[in-house]
């Protein structure tokens, strides 16, 4: 195991290293402590793209540097993936972001005006929309119709992928 310690992830009996977690010798921590550490890891995982995008944008504004330096730190990333991450964070203000929605939800609304972003993200969270659901509602609001990559049988409900057609348009009537 690596001897490097990641201070931001090391709390109490838990010491994080680049290759894993070390739990201090002695009695096991209380269940609630173990569980809350897991909750913190989940939050970190969900926050990472937002934090990275904000970090990239800060570097650009403060130093005029962004992708070359970031790619040296994140060699598994591509220029395009870093650019998309920075784009979302520069277009979806911190005040509009929802911690219970994925980064992909925010990417889906990044091109919209801030009021529309807030409206759709609020609805997505309240109604537990998937990213696909959010895309459909965004498209309906924007174009008056949604695009589909599959068609559902009205009798049995089975979904069939559309082969030979990229999309079909579905008119929404209420």
Protein backbone atom coordinates (compact mmCIF):
# COMPACT_ATOMS: atom_id res chain seq x y z
CA UNK A 1 0.00 0.00 0.00
CA UNK A 2 1.11 3.51 -0.74
CA UNK A 3 2.39 5.51 2.20
CA UNK A 4 0.96 8.74 0.79
CA UNK A 5 -1.92 10.02 2.87
CA UNK A 6 -4.81 12.01 1.42
CA UNK A 7 -5.61 14.41 4.28
CA UNK A 8 -8.96 15.53 2.85
CA UNK A 9 -10.21 11.93 3.01
CA UNK A 10 -8.59 10.97 6.32
CA UNK A 11 -10.82 11.34 9.37
CA UNK A 12 -10.67 9.71 12.78
CA UNK A 13 -9.74 6.04 12.50
CA UNK A 14 -9.88 6.20 8.68
CA UNK A 15 -6.72 7.07 6.75
CA UNK A 16 -7.08 7.32 2.99
CA UNK A 17 -4.22 6.56 0.64
CA UNK A 18 -4.09 6.50 -3.17
CA UNK A 19 -4.55 2.73 -3.15
CA UNK A 20 -7.06 2.25 -0.36
CA UNK A 21 -8.29 2.85 3.14
CA UNK A 22 -6.46 2.00 6.36
CA UNK A 23 -8.49 1.62 9.54
CA UNK A 24 -6.52 2.17 12.74
CA UNK A 25 -5.84 -0.82 14.94
CA UNK A 26 -8.12 -1.23 17.89
CA UNK A 27 -11.83 -1.70 18.32
CA UNK A 28 -14.00 -1.14 15.27
CA UNK A 29 -15.59 2.29 15.09
CA UNK A 30 -19.28 2.60 15.88
CA UNK A 31 -21.54 1.64 12.98
CA UNK A 32 -22.77 5.24 12.65
CA UNK A 33 -19.19 6.50 12.24
CA UNK A 34 -18.43 3.90 9.58
CA UNK A 35 -21.70 4.68 7.80
CA UNK A 36 -21.22 8.47 7.92
CA UNK A 37 -17.75 8.05 6.39
CA UNK A 38 -19.40 6.13 3.53
CA UNK A 39 -21.94 8.92 3.10
CA UNK A 40 -19.08 11.42 2.89
CA UNK A 41 -17.40 9.30 0.19
CA UNK A 42 -20.66 9.27 -1.80
CA UNK A 43 -20.86 13.05 -1.57
CA UNK A 44 -17.24 13.40 -2.66
CA UNK A 45 -17.86 11.16 -5.67
CA UNK A 46 -20.88 13.24 -6.68
CA UNK A 47 -19.07 16.52 -6.12
CA UNK A 48 -15.84 15.68 -7.92
CA UNK A 49 -16.81 16.86 -11.43
CA UNK A 50 -18.25 20.10 -10.04
CA UNK A 51 -15.13 20.75 -7.98
CA UNK A 52 -12.89 19.91 -10.94
CA UNK A 53 -14.85 22.22 -13.27
CA UNK A 54 -14.75 25.07 -10.78
CA UNK A 55 -11.01 24.44 -10.27
CA UNK A 56 -10.40 24.58 -14.03
CA UNK A 57 -12.38 27.82 -14.37
CA UNK A 58 -10.57 29.37 -11.40
CA UNK A 59 -7.20 28.50 -12.96
CA UNK A 60 -8.24 30.06 -16.24
CA UNK A 61 -9.40 33.27 -14.56
CA UNK A 62 -6.50 33.58 -12.10
CA UNK A 63 -3.57 32.33 -14.16
CA UNK A 64 -4.74 32.00 -17.75
CA UNK A 65 -3.98 28.30 -17.44
CA UNK A 66 -6.30 25.42 -17.77
CA UNK A 67 -6.12 22.30 -19.88
CA UNK A 68 -2.41 21.62 -20.39
CA UNK A 69 -1.77 21.68 -16.66
CA UNK A 70 -4.95 19.79 -15.85
CA UNK A 71 -4.14 17.07 -18.38
CA UNK A 72 -0.78 16.54 -16.67
CA UNK A 73 -2.65 15.92 -13.39
CA UNK A 74 -5.55 13.99 -14.95
CA UNK A 75 -3.89 11.94 -17.73
CA UNK A 76 -6.91 9.64 -17.98
CA UNK A 77 -9.01 12.61 -19.10
CA UNK A 78 -9.21 14.13 -22.55
CA UNK A 79 -9.19 17.77 -23.51
CA UNK A 80 -12.86 17.41 -24.50
CA UNK A 81 -13.95 15.88 -21.21
CA UNK A 82 -12.18 18.61 -19.23
CA UNK A 83 -13.65 21.29 -21.50
CA UNK A 84 -17.17 19.87 -21.00
CA UNK A 85 -16.68 19.79 -17.24
CA UNK A 86 -15.50 23.41 -17.19
CA UNK A 87 -18.36 24.42 -19.54
CA UNK A 88 -21.03 23.03 -17.24
CA UNK A 89 -19.52 24.70 -14.18
CA UNK A 90 -19.18 28.05 -15.93
CA UNK A 91 -22.77 27.93 -17.22
CA UNK A 92 -24.63 26.46 -14.26
CA UNK A 93 -24.02 28.76 -11.28
CA UNK A 94 -23.27 27.28 -7.89
CA UNK A 95 -26.62 28.60 -6.63
CA UNK A 96 -28.54 26.54 -9.24
CA UNK A 97 -26.79 23.23 -8.60
CA UNK A 98 -28.59 20.38 -6.86
CA UNK A 99 -26.55 17.93 -4.83
CA UNK A 100 -29.19 15.22 -5.30
CA UNK A 101 -28.86 15.37 -9.09
CA UNK A 102 -25.94 14.08 -11.13
CA UNK A 103 -23.45 16.17 -13.04
CA UNK A 104 -25.10 14.83 -16.22
CA UNK A 105 -28.42 16.39 -15.14
CA UNK A 106 -26.64 19.74 -14.94
CA UNK A 107 -24.93 19.18 -18.30
CA UNK A 108 -28.38 18.66 -19.82
CA UNK A 109 -29.49 22.19 -18.87
CA UNK A 110 -26.15 24.04 -19.16
CA UNK A 111 -27.06 25.74 -22.45
CA UNK A 112 -30.30 27.19 -21.05
CA UNK A 113 -30.91 30.52 -19.34
CA UNK A 114 -30.42 30.43 -15.57
CA UNK A 115 -34.15 30.74 -14.75
CA UNK A 116 -34.95 27.78 -17.01
CA UNK A 117 -32.07 25.77 -15.54
CA UNK A 118 -33.41 26.33 -12.04
CA UNK A 119 -36.97 25.45 -13.05
CA UNK A 120 -36.02 22.19 -14.77
CA UNK A 121 -33.51 21.12 -12.10
CA UNK A 122 -36.08 21.81 -9.37
CA UNK A 123 -38.63 19.66 -11.23
CA UNK A 124 -36.05 16.94 -11.90
CA UNK A 125 -35.23 16.68 -8.22
CA UNK A 126 -38.84 16.86 -7.03
CA UNK A 127 -40.00 14.23 -9.53
CA UNK A 128 -36.85 12.07 -9.39
CA UNK A 129 -36.29 12.39 -13.14
CA UNK A 130 -33.52 10.44 -14.80
CA UNK A 131 -31.20 12.32 -17.15
CA UNK A 132 -33.32 10.96 -20.02
CA UNK A 133 -36.49 12.29 -18.41
CA UNK A 134 -34.89 15.70 -17.99
CA UNK A 135 -33.76 15.72 -21.64
CA UNK A 136 -37.32 14.97 -22.76
CA UNK A 137 -38.77 17.78 -20.67
CA UNK A 138 -36.06 20.17 -21.85
CA UNK A 139 -36.79 19.31 -25.48
CA UNK A 140 -40.55 19.59 -25.02
CA UNK A 141 -40.12 23.04 -23.47
CA UNK A 142 -37.63 24.11 -26.13
CA UNK A 143 -38.98 22.52 -29.33
CA UNK A 144 -42.48 21.37 -28.49
CA UNK A 145 -41.54 17.72 -29.01
CA UNK A 146 -39.19 15.09 -27.65
CA UNK A 147 -36.84 12.82 -29.56
CA UNK A 148 -36.74 9.10 -28.89
CA UNK A 149 -34.22 6.35 -29.65
CA UNK A 150 -36.76 3.63 -28.98
CA UNK A 151 -40.43 2.96 -29.43
CA UNK A 152 -42.76 1.37 -26.89
CA UNK A 153 -45.42 -1.16 -27.84
CA UNK A 154 -48.78 0.30 -26.72
CA UNK A 155 -50.14 -3.18 -25.91
CA UNK A 156 -47.37 -4.86 -23.91
CA UNK A 157 -45.12 -1.90 -23.01
CA UNK A 158 -41.98 -3.57 -24.40
CA UNK A 159 -39.40 -1.07 -25.61
CA UNK A 160 -37.80 -1.67 -28.99
CA UNK A 161 -34.63 0.14 -30.06
CA UNK A 162 -34.97 2.02 -33.32
CA UNK A 163 -32.54 0.58 -35.80
CA UNK A 164 -32.01 2.35 -39.09
CA UNK A 165 -33.40 5.60 -37.70
CA UNK A 166 -31.48 7.91 -35.45
CA UNK A 167 -34.54 9.42 -33.78
CA UNK A 168 -38.26 9.74 -34.14
CA UNK A 169 -40.20 12.78 -33.07
CA UNK A 170 -42.99 12.29 -30.58
CA UNK A 171 -45.59 15.02 -30.39
CA UNK A 172 -46.69 15.76 -26.85
CA UNK A 173 -50.35 16.50 -26.30
CA UNK A 174 -52.12 16.85 -23.02
